[in-house]
Protein backbone atom coordinates (compact mmCIF):
# COMPACT_ATOMS: atom_id res chain seq x y z
CA MET A 1 -33.28 -50.31 42.80
CA LYS A 2 -29.69 -50.70 41.71
CA LYS A 3 -31.99 -52.90 38.85
CA TYR A 4 -33.35 -49.12 38.32
CA ILE A 5 -30.07 -47.15 38.15
CA LEU A 6 -28.73 -50.02 36.23
CA ILE A 7 -31.28 -49.56 33.44
CA LEU A 8 -30.90 -45.14 33.37
CA ALA A 9 -26.82 -46.19 33.01
CA VAL A 10 -27.56 -48.11 30.05
CA LEU A 11 -29.76 -45.71 28.71
CA PHE A 12 -27.71 -43.01 29.27
CA MET A 13 -24.74 -45.15 27.36
CA GLY A 14 -27.39 -46.01 24.76
CA VAL A 15 -27.71 -41.90 24.09
CA SER A 16 -24.03 -41.74 23.78
CA VAL A 17 -23.81 -44.56 21.03
CA TYR A 18 -27.23 -43.14 19.25
CA ALA A 19 -25.53 -40.03 18.94
CA GLN A 20 -23.38 -41.07 16.59
CA ASP A 21 -25.80 -41.44 14.12
CA LYS A 22 -25.39 -40.09 10.64
CA ASN A 23 -28.90 -37.46 11.37
CA ILE A 24 -26.84 -36.53 14.83
CA THR A 25 -24.58 -33.39 14.24
CA VAL A 26 -21.72 -32.69 16.22
CA LYS A 27 -19.81 -29.54 17.25
CA HIS A 28 -16.39 -30.27 18.65
CA GLU A 29 -14.88 -26.99 20.10
CA GLN A 30 -11.00 -26.92 21.22
CA LYS A 31 -10.79 -25.20 24.92
CA ASN A 32 -7.62 -25.45 26.32
CA ASP A 33 -6.54 -29.03 26.86
CA LEU A 34 -9.90 -30.21 26.37
CA VAL A 35 -12.40 -30.71 23.36
CA GLU A 36 -16.20 -29.36 24.17
CA SER A 37 -18.20 -32.11 22.65
CA THR A 38 -21.71 -30.81 21.77
CA TYR A 39 -24.30 -33.62 20.05
CA PHE A 40 -27.68 -32.23 18.47
CA TYR A 41 -31.41 -34.02 17.85
CA ALA A 42 -32.02 -33.60 14.05
CA ASP A 43 -33.91 -30.80 15.15
CA GLY A 44 -31.06 -28.62 16.26
CA THR A 45 -31.80 -29.26 20.27
CA VAL A 46 -28.97 -30.77 21.87
CA GLN A 47 -28.60 -33.82 23.31
CA GLN A 48 -25.50 -34.13 25.01
CA LYS A 49 -22.61 -32.19 26.11
CA GLY A 50 -19.80 -32.45 27.96
CA THR A 51 -15.57 -32.63 27.15
CA PHE A 52 -13.30 -35.25 26.11
CA ASN A 53 -9.24 -34.99 27.52
CA LYS A 54 -6.13 -35.07 25.27
CA GLU A 55 -6.00 -39.46 24.72
CA GLY A 56 -9.76 -38.62 23.59
CA LYS A 57 -11.30 -39.95 26.74
CA LEU A 58 -14.39 -38.63 28.65
CA HIS A 59 -13.41 -36.12 30.77
CA GLY A 60 -15.14 -34.14 32.62
CA THR A 61 -19.25 -33.24 33.30
CA TRP A 62 -21.48 -34.56 31.01
CA THR A 63 -24.78 -33.49 30.56
CA SER A 64 -27.86 -35.46 28.63
CA PHE A 65 -31.54 -34.40 27.52
CA ASP A 66 -34.43 -35.65 25.95
CA ALA A 67 -35.89 -34.20 23.23
CA ASN A 68 -37.50 -31.80 24.95
CA GLY A 69 -34.85 -30.06 26.38
CA ASN A 70 -35.09 -31.88 29.82
CA LYS A 71 -31.93 -33.06 31.75
CA ILE A 72 -32.23 -36.97 31.63
CA ALA A 73 -28.56 -37.13 33.31
CA VAL A 74 -25.48 -35.44 34.72
CA GLY A 75 -22.64 -36.82 35.92
CA ASN A 76 -18.58 -36.39 35.48
CA TYR A 77 -15.95 -38.39 34.21
CA GLU A 78 -12.11 -38.62 34.81
CA ASN A 79 -9.98 -40.14 32.35
CA GLY A 80 -12.90 -42.27 31.18
CA LYS A 81 -14.31 -43.78 34.17
CA LYS A 82 -17.08 -42.37 36.08
CA VAL A 83 -16.53 -40.74 39.07
CA GLY A 84 -18.46 -38.65 41.70
CA LYS A 85 -21.91 -37.96 42.05
CA TRP A 86 -24.33 -38.56 39.22
CA THR A 87 -27.72 -37.54 38.83
CA PHE A 88 -30.25 -39.34 36.65
CA TRP A 89 -34.12 -38.08 36.58
CA ALA A 90 -36.81 -40.50 34.67
CA ASN A 91 -40.68 -39.99 35.04
CA GLY A 92 -40.82 -37.24 37.36
CA VAL A 93 -37.84 -38.39 40.03
CA ALA A 94 -34.29 -38.17 40.23
CA LYS A 95 -31.66 -40.33 41.91
CA GLU A 96 -28.34 -39.08 43.05
CA VAL A 97 -25.62 -42.60 42.11
CA ASN A 98 -22.54 -42.17 43.72
CA TYR A 99 -19.33 -43.50 41.71
CA VAL A 100 -15.80 -44.46 43.46
CA ASN A 101 -13.48 -46.48 41.15
CA SER A 102 -16.22 -46.64 38.23
CA LYS A 103 -18.41 -48.97 40.49
CA ILE A 104 -21.95 -47.69 42.04
CA ALA A 105 -21.06 -47.32 45.88
CA LYS A 106 -24.35 -45.58 46.70
CA ILE A 107 -28.12 -44.45 45.51
CA THR A 108 -30.43 -41.63 46.66
CA GLU A 109 -33.54 -40.63 45.68
CA VAL A 110 -33.86 -36.76 45.11
CA SER A 111 -36.23 -34.03 44.48
CA SER A 112 -38.00 -34.30 41.47
CA ASN A 113 -36.61 -31.14 40.08
CA ASN A 114 -34.76 -30.98 37.16
CA SER A 115 -32.54 -28.00 37.78
CA LEU A 116 -29.99 -29.60 39.52
């Protein structure tokens, strides 16, 4: 099961790298001490969104979407490290992954609902 989550985590990170492709447009907006960033697919739908802190590290909630607008991952960063509960959706199944010190502590299968 950890292998399955590792694949999802790699997919999520791959989406992050892909978001830097020249066909992807990005919107950055200063919100107090954070920079809110939204990455878009070529057709204009949102690919992922979240915030960076003033040091440029991922910070706060990040959400990734597939090309149809369905959530595929939601999780939190604290100064560039994964923390707390993350949820990944794939093939109608949702998995909750709890992170402690940026390491997987627990994996739980939850409902197949994309509304979390």
